[in-house]
Amino acid sequence: MVLDKLGDSLQGALKKLVGAGRIDEKVVDEAVKDIQRAMLQADVNVKLVMALSQKIKQRSLKEEPPVGMNPREHILRVVYQELIGILGKSANVRLAAQTIMMIGLQGSGKTTTTAKLARYFQRKGLKTAVICADTFRPGAYDQLKTLCDRNGIFFYGEKDVKDAVAITQRGLAAIEKYDVKIIDTAGRHALEKDLIKEMEDIHKIAKPDHKLLVIDAAMGQQASEQARAFNNSIGITGVVITKLDGTAKGGGALSAVSETDSAIAFIGVGETPDDLEKFEADRFISRLLGMGDIKSLVEKAEESLKEDDIDMEAMLSGKFTLKDMYKQLEAMNKLGPLKQVMQMLPMGKLGMNVSDDMYSVTQEKLGKYKVIMDSMTDKELEDPKHINSSRIIRISRGSGTKYDEVRELLKYHKTMQKTIKGLKGGKFNLQKMMKKFGMGV
């Protein structure tokens, strides 16, 4: 994910501040240059980057740190606040009964995003239905119907019917009892007169509470032109930026939209139906800086986990057994890709290093780990330190696995234990700092 690289670069720059013996102008200059480089590589506008750099440098060196905050924490707070500033406000899409109209150019990922948005509201407990009013693109009906059927979302469409306005009218009558009604409209290769006319007519019929413009992150800084054009045509209440997981221009798209009168509502961060997130600048920047996003993690847990699925006390103590580890991994897998979950925890390069091996536990590996653990004694499961070479040979034979696979499990346990233990303290207490930032952790 290219935004991972942006996050890594920003975290790397701030790690120098954390590790510096003393904070002076030279240290700040070096950190600012690293931040500039990271933002420019993410396609953020040069003028914006330069202005950001000057503000960070000026505030870091001239402002007195707030009471109870040391110079390091003060600079990190400045970076955090200024980065939030360039992303602007977030669109207010509430969890309530509403009608949403999806608009955008062809190829932006609008139809897929429509299904993801329906899934988002469905996960929040709202009855959601989708209308396919895209009669321009061949295959739009089949694609949207397949995506909705796969996730148990009510779908309304009329295959081979060309009158999108009539389809919308009949569709709204058919889904009247649903809480959230989402209309997927047609896109074109450009904002043409017939597209504008169709959007205006659907708008009159549907009277949507929200008109969300879907933009491909690969547009980069040009995203602002699309946002302005659609806003001038029918008005938009929010922007959804898709494919942020695979483009070097993601930072450009995010900042460009915020330079217009538009606000970002959601961001697409992956290919699965659940990879659509409500955009909140403070949470987004917090994750980029390796400060975690505990709020989003709690929300995910409430949606996906039962009360006894995960023991947070054991997780944060850093002293958990192999059984505990397996239970936590099972729970984390319910929350989604492990890498996304771990990024919501306050760690990253500011507090500690997390190896790629930490993210490699798939369902298949979990199954193999369970088989290996079934061949262990209770004493071994409670304290893996008792497992020596001869015991590894016995466990591998009993489980029908390889010697190296047992060692891999033990190594993973040790790595995960060390990683999670780092959440509680160390030289640089991120959770304490997040509270100082007013992040409500």
Protein backbone atom coordinates (compact mmCIF):
# COMPACT_ATOMS: atom_id res chain seq x y z
CA MET A 1 0.00 0.00 0.00
CA VAL A 2 1.52 3.29 -1.08
CA LEU A 3 0.00 5.19 1.85
CA ASP A 4 1.81 2.69 4.06
CA LYS A 5 5.00 4.05 2.49
CA LEU A 6 3.89 7.60 3.24
CA GLY A 7 3.20 6.54 6.81
CA ASP A 8 6.56 4.77 7.06
CA SER A 9 8.34 7.87 5.76
CA LEU A 10 6.55 10.20 8.17
CA GLN A 11 7.12 7.83 11.08
CA GLY A 12 10.78 7.55 10.12
CA ALA A 13 11.11 11.34 10.19
CA LEU A 14 9.44 11.61 13.58
CA LYS A 15 11.45 8.72 14.99
CA LYS A 16 14.54 10.92 14.62
CA LEU A 17 12.87 13.45 16.89
CA VAL A 18 12.01 10.77 19.43
CA GLY A 19 15.58 9.48 19.47
CA ALA A 20 17.33 12.85 19.42
CA GLY A 21 19.39 13.67 22.49
CA ARG A 22 18.21 17.28 22.43
CA ILE A 23 15.77 19.21 20.25
CA ASP A 24 17.39 22.09 18.37
CA GLU A 25 16.96 23.87 15.03
CA LYS A 26 19.15 21.34 13.20
CA VAL A 27 17.06 18.37 14.37
CA VAL A 28 13.83 20.16 13.44
CA ASP A 29 15.23 21.09 10.00
CA GLU A 30 16.13 17.48 9.26
CA ALA A 31 12.71 16.23 10.36
CA VAL A 32 10.94 18.88 8.24
CA LYS A 33 12.99 17.91 5.16
CA ASP A 34 12.04 14.26 5.64
CA ILE A 35 8.38 15.25 5.98
CA GLN A 36 8.65 17.34 2.79
CA ARG A 37 10.13 14.40 0.92
CA ALA A 38 7.41 12.02 2.11
CA MET A 39 4.58 14.40 1.16
CA LEU A 40 6.02 15.19 -2.28
CA GLN A 41 6.44 11.49 -3.04
CA ALA A 42 2.74 11.08 -2.20
CA ASP A 43 1.90 13.74 -4.85
CA VAL A 44 0.80 16.46 -2.42
CA ASN A 45 0.93 19.91 -4.04
CA VAL A 46 4.40 21.51 -3.80
CA LYS A 47 3.08 24.87 -2.56
CA LEU A 48 1.01 23.11 0.08
CA VAL A 49 4.02 21.08 1.21
CA MET A 50 6.23 24.18 1.47
CA ALA A 51 3.57 26.07 3.42
CA LEU A 52 3.13 23.07 5.72
CA SER A 53 6.88 22.82 6.28
CA GLN A 54 7.17 26.49 7.22
CA LYS A 55 4.29 26.24 9.70
CA ILE A 56 5.74 23.13 11.34
CA LYS A 57 9.19 24.69 11.64
CA GLN A 58 7.92 28.03 12.88
CA ARG A 59 5.55 26.59 15.48
CA SER A 60 8.07 23.94 16.65
CA LEU A 61 10.81 26.47 17.33
CA LYS A 62 8.85 29.54 18.45
CA GLU A 63 5.82 28.23 20.33
CA GLU A 64 6.20 27.32 23.97
CA PRO A 65 5.15 23.70 24.65
CA PRO A 66 1.81 23.47 26.51
CA VAL A 67 1.99 22.75 30.24
CA GLY A 68 2.90 19.11 30.87
CA MET A 69 4.25 18.52 27.36
CA ASN A 70 7.95 18.17 26.59
CA PRO A 71 9.59 19.59 23.40
CA ARG A 72 9.41 16.22 21.55
CA GLU A 73 5.70 15.81 22.26
CA HIS A 74 5.11 19.44 21.32
CA ILE A 75 6.69 19.00 17.86
CA LEU A 76 4.76 15.78 17.22
CA ARG A 77 1.57 17.57 18.23
CA VAL A 78 2.37 20.40 15.80
CA VAL A 79 2.97 17.93 12.93
CA TYR A 80 -0.27 16.12 13.78
CA GLN A 81 -2.32 19.33 13.86
CA GLU A 82 -0.85 20.79 10.66
CA LEU A 83 -1.35 17.54 8.70
CA ILE A 84 -5.00 17.48 9.81
CA GLY A 85 -5.27 21.08 8.64
CA ILE A 86 -4.34 20.28 5.03
CA LEU A 87 -6.93 17.49 4.79
CA GLY A 88 -9.75 19.77 5.85
CA LYS A 89 -13.09 18.76 7.33
CA SER A 90 -14.85 15.44 6.97
CA ALA A 91 -18.30 15.07 5.38
CA ASN A 92 -21.02 14.37 7.92
CA VAL A 93 -22.76 11.16 6.79
CA ARG A 94 -24.79 10.03 9.79
CA LEU A 95 -25.93 6.55 10.76
CA ALA A 96 -29.60 7.23 10.09
CA ALA A 97 -32.34 6.66 7.52
CA GLN A 98 -31.35 8.49 4.32
CA THR A 99 -31.14 8.41 0.54
CA ILE A 100 -27.71 8.57 -1.09
CA MET A 101 -26.98 9.25 -4.74
CA MET A 102 -23.63 7.98 -6.08
CA ILE A 103 -22.06 9.95 -8.94
CA GLY A 104 -18.73 9.96 -10.77
CA LEU A 105 -16.93 9.35 -14.04
CA GLN A 106 -16.65 5.89 -15.56
CA GLY A 107 -13.75 3.87 -14.20
CA SER A 108 -13.67 5.52 -10.78
CA GLY A 109 -14.86 2.40 -8.96
CA LYS A 110 -18.33 3.83 -8.35
CA THR A 111 -20.30 0.58 -8.64
CA THR A 112 -17.97 -1.35 -6.35
CA THR A 113 -18.03 1.55 -3.90
CA THR A 114 -21.83 1.56 -3.95
CA ALA A 115 -21.84 -2.06 -2.78
CA LYS A 116 -19.17 -1.32 -0.16
CA LEU A 117 -21.16 1.64 1.16
CA ALA A 118 -24.27 -0.53 1.43
CA ARG A 119 -22.20 -3.08 3.34
CA TYR A 120 -20.90 -0.31 5.63
CA PHE A 121 -24.42 0.69 6.70
CA GLN A 122 -25.47 -2.95 6.92
CA ARG A 123 -22.65 -3.62 9.39
CA LYS A 124 -23.90 -0.71 11.46
CA GLY A 125 -27.31 -2.40 11.82
CA LEU A 126 -29.31 -0.40 9.23
CA LYS A 127 -31.57 -2.03 6.64
CA THR A 128 -29.95 -1.10 3.34
CA ALA A 129 -31.04 -1.39 -0.29
CA VAL A 130 -29.42 -0.47 -3.61
CA ILE A 131 -30.89 0.72 -6.91
CA CYS A 132 -28.97 0.22 -10.15
CA ALA A 133 -29.65 3.33 -12.23
CA ASP A 134 -26.52 2.91 -14.35
CA THR A 135 -27.98 2.04 -17.74
CA PHE A 136 -24.99 3.32 -19.69
CA ARG A 137 -22.22 0.86 -18.88
CA PRO A 138 -22.69 -2.72 -20.07
CA GLY A 139 -22.32 -5.09 -17.16
CA ALA A 140 -23.14 -2.53 -14.45
CA TYR A 141 -26.40 -4.34 -13.58
CA ASP A 142 -24.76 -7.77 -13.29
CA GLN A 143 -21.79 -6.44 -11.32
CA LEU A 144 -23.85 -4.59 -8.75
CA LYS A 145 -26.40 -7.40 -8.39
CA THR A 146 -23.62 -9.95 -7.79
CA LEU A 147 -21.95 -7.75 -5.16
CA CYS A 148 -25.24 -7.11 -3.36
CA ASP A 149 -26.36 -10.75 -3.47
CA ARG A 150 -23.01 -11.85 -2.08
CA ASN A 151 -23.50 -9.65 0.98
CA GLY A 152 -27.23 -10.13 1.50
CA ILE A 153 -28.11 -6.58 0.45
CA PHE A 154 -31.45 -5.95 -1.27
CA PHE A 155 -30.94 -5.05 -4.93
CA TYR A 156 -33.35 -3.38 -7.34
CA GLY A 157 -32.63 -3.11 -11.04
CA GLU A 158 -34.25 -3.62 -14.43
CA LYS A 159 -31.92 -5.31 -16.86
CA ASP A 160 -31.88 -3.98 -20.44
CA VAL A 161 -34.16 -1.04 -19.52
CA LYS A 162 -32.56 2.26 -20.56
CA ASP A 163 -34.68 4.85 -18.72
CA ALA A 164 -32.62 5.44 -15.58
CA VAL A 165 -35.07 7.99 -14.17
CA ALA A 166 -38.01 5.58 -14.43
CA ILE A 167 -35.93 2.80 -12.86
CA THR A 168 -35.09 5.11 -9.97
CA GLN A 169 -38.72 6.05 -9.46
CA ARG A 170 -39.94 2.44 -9.42
CA GLY A 171 -36.95 1.38 -7.34
CA LEU A 172 -37.63 3.93 -4.63
CA ALA A 173 -41.19 2.66 -4.36
CA ALA A 174 -39.93 -0.93 -4.09
CA ILE A 175 -37.46 -0.16 -1.29
CA GLU A 176 -39.56 2.38 0.57
CA LYS A 177 -39.36 0.46 3.87
CA TYR A 178 -35.54 0.30 3.94
CA ASP A 179 -33.50 2.65 6.14
CA VAL A 180 -30.68 3.51 3.74
CA LYS A 181 -31.39 3.77 0.02
CA ILE A 182 -28.36 4.02 -2.28
CA ILE A 183 -28.69 4.87 -5.98
CA ASP A 184 -25.83 3.99 -8.32
CA THR A 185 -26.01 6.35 -11.31
CA ALA A 186 -24.23 6.16 -14.65
CA GLY A 187 -20.77 7.55 -15.29
CA ARG A 188 -19.18 8.75 -18.52
CA HIS A 189 -15.63 9.38 -19.67
CA ALA A 190 -16.28 13.09 -19.24
CA LEU A 191 -18.89 15.33 -17.63
CA GLU A 192 -21.18 15.57 -20.69
CA LYS A 193 -24.54 17.33 -21.11
CA ASP A 194 -26.60 14.15 -21.28
CA LEU A 195 -24.94 12.86 -18.08
CA ILE A 196 -25.68 16.14 -16.29
CA LYS A 197 -29.31 16.07 -17.47
CA GLU A 198 -29.79 12.48 -16.27
CA MET A 199 -28.22 13.26 -12.89
CA GLU A 200 -30.45 16.32 -12.49
CA ASP A 201 -33.58 14.32 -13.33
CA ILE A 202 -32.67 11.52 -10.89
CA HIS A 203 -31.91 14.16 -8.28
CA LYS A 204 -35.42 15.66 -8.66
CA ILE A 205 -37.04 12.22 -8.29
CA ALA A 206 -34.89 10.90 -5.44
CA LYS A 207 -34.37 14.10 -3.42
CA PRO A 208 -31.23 12.53 -1.91
CA ASP A 209 -29.89 13.53 1.48
CA HIS A 210 -26.37 13.02 0.14
CA LYS A 211 -24.70 13.15 -3.25
CA LEU A 212 -21.37 11.38 -3.01
CA LEU A 213 -18.79 11.84 -5.75
CA VAL A 214 -16.54 8.82 -6.27
CA ILE A 215 -12.98 9.65 -7.37
CA ASP A 216 -10.08 7.33 -8.16
CA ALA A 217 -7.04 8.14 -5.99
CA ALA A 218 -4.85 7.80 -9.10
CA MET A 219 -6.26 11.17 -10.20
CA GLY A 220 -3.94 12.77 -7.68
CA GLN A 221 -4.04 16.55 -7.61
CA GLN A 222 -6.42 16.57 -10.60
CA ALA A 223 -9.12 15.25 -8.26
CA SER A 224 -9.93 18.85 -7.36
CA GLU A 225 -11.01 19.56 -10.97
CA GLN A 226 -13.53 16.70 -10.90
CA ALA A 227 -14.84 17.75 -7.50
CA ARG A 228 -15.38 21.33 -8.67
CA ALA A 229 -17.02 20.25 -11.95
CA PHE A 230 -19.55 17.93 -10.32
CA ASN A 231 -20.20 20.38 -7.51
CA ASN A 232 -20.96 23.13 -10.02
CA SER A 233 -23.31 20.82 -11.93
CA ILE A 234 -25.56 19.32 -9.26
CA GLY A 235 -23.81 20.01 -5.96
CA ILE A 236 -22.07 17.33 -3.93
CA THR A 237 -22.18 16.73 -0.20
CA GLY A 238 -19.11 14.53 0.02
CA VAL A 239 -16.35 12.72 -1.85
CA VAL A 240 -15.35 9.05 -1.72
CA ILE A 241 -11.73 8.41 -2.72
CA THR A 242 -11.18 4.86 -3.96
CA LYS A 243 -8.06 2.70 -4.43
CA LEU A 244 -5.98 4.46 -1.80
CA ASP A 245 -4.21 1.13 -1.28
CA GLY A 246 -2.54 1.12 -4.68
CA THR A 247 -1.51 4.51 -6.02
CA ALA A 248 1.41 6.86 -5.52
CA LYS A 249 -0.98 9.81 -5.89
CA GLY A 250 -3.17 9.08 -2.87
CA GLY A 251 -1.84 12.00 -0.85
CA GLY A 252 -2.43 14.30 -3.79
CA ALA A 253 -6.06 13.23 -4.15
CA LEU A 254 -6.76 13.62 -0.44
CA SER A 255 -5.25 17.10 -0.20
CA ALA A 256 -6.62 18.26 -3.57
CA VAL A 257 -10.23 17.51 -2.68
CA SER A 258 -9.83 19.32 0.60
CA GLU A 259 -8.61 22.42 -1.28
CA THR A 260 -12.04 22.68 -2.89
CA ASP A 261 -15.31 23.32 -1.06
CA SER A 262 -15.81 19.55 -0.86
CA ALA A 263 -15.30 17.28 2.13
CA ILE A 264 -14.11 13.68 2.11
CA ALA A 265 -16.78 11.25 3.33
CA PHE A 266 -15.22 7.79 2.86
CA ILE A 267 -11.98 6.23 1.64
CA GLY A 268 -11.48 2.88 -0.08
CA VAL A 269 -8.49 1.04 1.39
CA GLY A 270 -8.73 -2.44 -0.15
CA GLU A 271 -10.65 -4.83 -2.35
CA THR A 272 -12.91 -6.64 0.12
CA PRO A 273 -16.52 -5.50 0.80
CA ASP A 274 -15.47 -4.22 4.23
CA ASP A 275 -12.57 -2.10 2.97
CA LEU A 276 -14.41 1.21 3.03
CA GLU A 277 -13.81 3.54 5.95
CA LYS A 278 -15.56 6.67 7.07
CA PHE A 279 -13.00 9.42 6.68
CA GLU A 280 -12.03 11.40 9.74
CA ALA A 281 -8.89 13.49 9.34
CA ASP A 282 -7.70 13.06 12.93
CA ARG A 283 -7.97 9.26 12.81
CA PHE A 284 -6.36 9.07 9.39
CA ILE A 285 -3.36 11.21 10.37
CA SER A 286 -3.02 9.36 13.66
CA ARG A 287 -2.59 6.08 11.80
CA LEU A 288 -0.18 7.59 9.29
CA LEU A 289 2.01 8.78 12.14
CA GLY A 290 1.99 5.38 13.85
CA MET A 291 -0.11 6.68 16.75
CA GLY A 292 -2.88 4.19 16.14
CA ASP A 293 -6.63 4.58 15.84
CA ILE A 294 -8.14 3.05 18.93
CA LYS A 295 -11.58 4.51 18.18
CA SER A 296 -11.85 2.65 14.86
CA LEU A 297 -10.49 -0.53 16.43
CA VAL A 298 -13.15 -0.41 19.13
CA GLU A 299 -15.85 0.13 16.50
CA LYS A 300 -14.59 -2.83 14.47
CA ALA A 301 -14.52 -4.99 17.59
CA GLU A 302 -18.09 -4.05 18.50
CA GLU A 303 -19.24 -5.04 15.01
CA SER A 304 -17.28 -8.28 14.69
CA LEU A 305 -16.49 -9.80 18.09
CA LYS A 306 -18.38 -11.46 20.92
CA GLU A 307 -17.63 -10.44 24.49
CA ASP A 308 -15.37 -13.42 25.21
CA ASP A 309 -13.51 -13.41 21.87
CA ILE A 310 -10.56 -11.36 23.09
CA ASP A 311 -8.94 -10.65 26.44
CA MET A 312 -7.55 -7.11 26.25
CA GLU A 313 -5.90 -7.37 29.67
CA ALA A 314 -3.85 -10.37 28.56
CA MET A 315 -3.08 -8.69 25.27
CA LEU A 316 -1.77 -5.52 26.87
CA SER A 317 0.10 -7.28 29.68
CA GLY A 318 2.51 -8.83 27.19
CA LYS A 319 2.52 -11.99 29.35
CA PHE A 320 0.20 -14.31 27.54
CA THR A 321 0.49 -18.01 26.80
CA LEU A 322 0.38 -19.81 23.47
CA LYS A 323 -3.33 -20.44 24.10
CA ASP A 324 -3.86 -16.74 24.72
CA MET A 325 -1.95 -15.88 21.56
CA TYR A 326 -4.06 -18.20 19.44
CA LYS A 327 -7.25 -16.71 20.86
CA GLN A 328 -6.07 -13.18 20.09
CA LEU A 329 -5.08 -14.12 16.54
CA GLU A 330 -8.47 -15.73 15.90
CA ALA A 331 -10.17 -12.56 17.15
CA MET A 332 -7.93 -10.30 15.09
CA ASN A 333 -8.69 -12.29 11.95
CA LYS A 334 -12.38 -11.65 12.54
CA LEU A 335 -11.62 -7.93 12.52
CA GLY A 336 -10.03 -8.07 9.06
CA PRO A 337 -6.50 -8.22 7.63
CA LEU A 338 -4.06 -8.31 10.53
CA LYS A 339 -1.98 -5.47 9.09
CA GLN A 340 -4.96 -3.11 9.13
CA VAL A 341 -5.78 -4.10 12.70
CA MET A 342 -2.21 -3.63 13.93
CA GLN A 343 -2.07 -0.19 12.29
CA MET A 344 -4.93 0.86 14.55
CA LEU A 345 -2.78 0.11 17.60
CA PRO A 346 -0.44 2.86 18.85
CA MET A 347 2.87 1.46 17.68
CA GLY A 348 4.48 1.85 14.26
CA LYS A 349 7.96 3.28 13.92
CA LEU A 350 7.49 5.92 16.61
CA GLY A 351 7.33 3.44 19.41
CA MET A 352 8.73 0.23 17.94
CA ASN A 353 9.37 -1.76 14.80
CA VAL A 354 6.80 -4.26 13.55
CA SER A 355 8.22 -6.78 11.10
CA ASP A 356 6.32 -7.94 8.03
CA ASP A 357 6.29 -11.42 9.63
CA MET A 358 3.81 -10.07 12.15
CA TYR A 359 1.28 -9.63 9.37
CA SER A 360 1.76 -13.00 7.70
CA VAL A 361 -0.64 -15.11 9.79
CA THR A 362 -3.38 -16.32 7.46
CA GLN A 363 -6.32 -18.59 8.25
CA GLU A 364 -4.30 -21.46 6.80
CA LYS A 365 -1.42 -20.79 9.18
CA LEU A 366 -3.81 -20.43 12.08
CA GLY A 367 -5.09 -23.92 11.34
CA LYS A 368 -1.56 -25.31 11.29
CA TYR A 369 -0.71 -23.51 14.54
CA LYS A 370 -3.75 -25.12 16.18
CA VAL A 371 -2.63 -28.61 15.06
CA ILE A 372 0.87 -27.98 16.45
CA MET A 373 -0.49 -26.69 19.75
CA ASP A 374 -2.72 -29.77 20.09
CA SER A 375 0.49 -31.82 20.34
CA MET A 376 1.84 -29.74 23.23
CA THR A 377 1.45 -30.39 26.94
CA ASP A 378 -0.38 -27.93 29.20
CA LYS A 379 2.96 -26.96 30.72
CA GLU A 380 4.36 -26.12 27.27
CA LEU A 381 1.27 -24.14 26.31
CA GLU A 382 1.43 -22.15 29.55
CA ASP A 383 5.15 -21.38 29.25
CA PRO A 384 6.85 -21.94 25.85
CA LYS A 385 10.26 -21.43 27.49
CA HIS A 386 10.11 -25.11 28.47
CA ILE A 387 10.15 -26.15 24.80
CA ASN A 388 13.69 -27.24 23.87
CA SER A 389 14.97 -29.02 20.73
CA SER A 390 13.94 -32.51 21.83
CA ARG A 391 10.44 -31.28 22.66
CA ILE A 392 10.21 -29.55 19.25
CA ILE A 393 11.05 -32.90 17.57
CA ARG A 394 8.32 -34.62 19.63
CA ILE A 395 5.76 -31.90 18.85
CA SER A 396 6.53 -31.90 15.11
CA ARG A 397 6.16 -35.70 14.92
CA GLY A 398 2.94 -35.65 16.92
CA SER A 399 1.39 -32.92 14.80
CA GLY A 400 2.66 -34.20 11.44
CA THR A 401 4.44 -30.91 10.80
CA LYS A 402 8.04 -29.93 10.15
CA TYR A 403 10.57 -29.04 12.84
CA ASP A 404 10.93 -25.55 11.33
CA GLU A 405 7.17 -24.97 11.43
CA VAL A 406 7.11 -25.56 15.20
CA ARG A 407 10.04 -23.16 15.59
CA GLU A 408 8.18 -20.62 13.45
CA LEU A 409 5.20 -20.78 15.80
CA LEU A 410 7.43 -20.26 18.84
CA LYS A 411 9.26 -17.39 17.16
CA TYR A 412 5.96 -15.77 16.22
CA HIS A 413 4.73 -16.02 19.80
CA LYS A 414 7.88 -14.36 21.08
CA THR A 415 7.66 -11.57 18.47
CA MET A 416 3.99 -10.89 19.15
CA GLN A 417 4.55 -10.91 22.91
CA LYS A 418 7.34 -8.35 22.58
CA THR A 419 5.32 -6.19 20.17
CA ILE A 420 2.18 -6.03 22.27
CA LYS A 421 4.15 -5.54 25.48
CA GLY A 422 5.49 -2.34 23.93
CA LEU A 423 2.00 -0.86 23.97
CA LYS A 424 2.12 -0.36 27.73
CA GLY A 425 5.20 1.76 28.15
CA GLY A 426 8.78 2.27 27.16
CA LYS A 427 10.75 5.46 26.69
CA PHE A 428 8.01 7.06 24.62
CA ASN A 429 4.45 6.49 25.89
CA LEU A 430 2.23 6.95 22.83
CA GLN A 431 -1.06 6.37 24.62
CA LYS A 432 -0.24 9.10 27.13
CA MET A 433 0.73 11.42 24.28
CA MET A 434 -2.50 10.69 22.40
CA LYS A 435 -4.49 11.77 25.46
CA LYS A 436 -2.50 15.00 25.54
CA PHE A 437 -3.40 15.56 21.91
CA GLY A 438 -7.07 15.39 22.89
CA MET A 439 -7.73 12.22 20.90
CA GLY A 440 -9.99 10.64 23.49
CA VAL A 441 -8.07 7.38 23.83
